[in-house]
C-alpha cells in the first residue's frame, strides 16, 4: 500500500491588525488557534473573490456576445425547422 503524505511548511510572519479586528479574532477562536483561523479565512476570501470575479467576467462576456449568440440561435432555429417541420414528431 502506497501512502502519500502532504507536507505543509509553516512560516512565522508578523501581521498588524486593528484592535477591533484582534478582539473579534479572539472572540471566535480558541487560544492558539488564530493561525488556523486566519489561514482558513484567507483561503475562503480568495476563493470567494475568485468566484465573484469569474461570475462578473462571464456576465460581461455574455453581454458582449449577446447579439452574436442570438444570430447563431436564429440561424440554427431555421435549420432545425427545415429538418423537423412543424407537426412532425421528432
Protein backbone atom coordinates (compact mmCIF):
# COMPACT_ATOMS: atom_id res chain seq x y z
CA UNK A 1 0.00 0.00 0.00
CA UNK A 2 1.45 3.36 -1.06
CA UNK A 3 0.63 6.16 1.39
CA UNK A 4 1.46 9.67 0.30
CA UNK A 5 1.59 12.45 2.83
CA UNK A 6 1.30 16.10 2.07
CA UNK A 7 3.88 18.14 3.91
CA UNK A 8 2.84 21.67 4.77
CA UNK A 9 5.56 24.14 5.62
CA UNK A 10 4.58 26.85 8.05
CA UNK A 11 6.32 30.22 8.24
CA UNK A 12 6.05 32.72 11.04
CA UNK A 13 5.03 36.22 9.93
CA UNK A 14 4.15 39.39 11.74
CA UNK A 15 0.79 40.88 10.87
CA UNK A 16 -0.54 44.16 12.17
CA UNK A 17 -4.29 44.27 12.78
CA UNK A 18 -6.60 46.95 14.14
CA UNK A 19 -7.55 46.38 17.80
CA UNK A 20 -11.20 45.81 16.87
CA UNK A 21 -10.21 43.06 14.43
CA UNK A 22 -7.98 41.43 17.03
CA UNK A 23 -10.81 41.47 19.61
CA UNK A 24 -13.11 39.90 17.03
CA UNK A 25 -10.50 37.27 16.23
CA UNK A 26 -10.12 36.45 19.92
CA UNK A 27 -13.91 36.12 20.27
CA UNK A 28 -14.18 33.48 17.56
CA UNK A 29 -11.01 31.47 18.16
CA UNK A 30 -9.59 29.42 20.98
CA UNK A 31 -6.21 30.36 22.35
CA UNK A 32 -3.57 29.02 19.96
CA UNK A 33 -5.99 28.69 17.01
CA UNK A 34 -5.51 32.12 15.49
CA UNK A 35 -3.15 30.92 12.76
CA UNK A 36 -5.52 28.19 11.63
CA UNK A 37 -8.45 30.59 11.63
CA UNK A 38 -6.56 33.24 9.63
CA UNK A 39 -5.41 30.55 7.17
CA UNK A 40 -8.98 29.36 6.62
CA UNK A 41 -10.30 32.94 6.38
CA UNK A 42 -7.74 33.96 3.77
CA UNK A 43 -8.38 30.84 1.69
CA UNK A 44 -12.15 31.37 1.89
CA UNK A 45 -11.82 35.04 0.93
CA UNK A 46 -9.56 34.34 -2.05
CA UNK A 47 -11.91 31.57 -3.24
CA UNK A 48 -14.98 33.80 -2.95
CA UNK A 49 -13.31 36.78 -4.64
CA UNK A 50 -12.16 34.48 -7.45
CA UNK A 51 -15.68 33.12 -7.81
CA UNK A 52 -17.17 36.63 -7.87
CA UNK A 53 -14.63 37.74 -10.50
CA UNK A 54 -15.43 34.71 -12.65
CA UNK A 55 -19.17 35.43 -12.45
CA UNK A 56 -18.50 39.05 -13.42
CA UNK A 57 -16.35 38.01 -16.39
CA UNK A 58 -18.99 35.52 -17.54
CA UNK A 59 -21.71 38.17 -17.28
CA UNK A 60 -19.62 40.73 -19.21
CA UNK A 61 -18.73 38.16 -21.86
CA UNK A 62 -22.33 37.07 -22.28
CA UNK A 63 -23.43 40.69 -22.66
CA UNK A 64 -20.66 41.45 -25.15
CA UNK A 65 -21.52 38.40 -27.29
CA UNK A 66 -25.31 38.54 -26.92
CA UNK A 67 -26.05 39.74 -30.46
CA UNK A 68 -23.69 37.14 -31.99
CA UNK A 69 -25.27 34.37 -29.92
CA UNK A 70 -28.79 35.48 -30.81
CA UNK A 71 -27.87 35.43 -34.50
CA UNK A 72 -26.46 31.90 -34.18
CA UNK A 73 -29.56 30.72 -32.34
CA UNK A 74 -31.83 32.18 -35.02
CA UNK A 75 -29.72 30.62 -37.77
CA UNK A 76 -29.81 27.19 -36.16
CA UNK A 77 -33.53 27.52 -35.40
CA UNK A 78 -34.24 27.91 -39.11
CA UNK A 79 -32.05 24.87 -39.89
CA UNK A 80 -33.87 22.90 -37.20
CA UNK A 81 -37.23 23.90 -38.68
CA UNK A 82 -36.11 22.65 -42.12
CA UNK A 83 -35.10 19.27 -40.68
CA UNK A 84 -38.04 18.93 -38.30
CA UNK A 85 -41.05 20.77 -39.82
CA UNK A 86 -43.89 21.69 -37.52
CA UNK A 87 -46.36 18.92 -36.99
CA UNK A 88 -43.78 16.12 -37.34
CA UNK A 89 -42.69 14.20 -34.31
CA UNK A 90 -39.01 14.33 -33.57
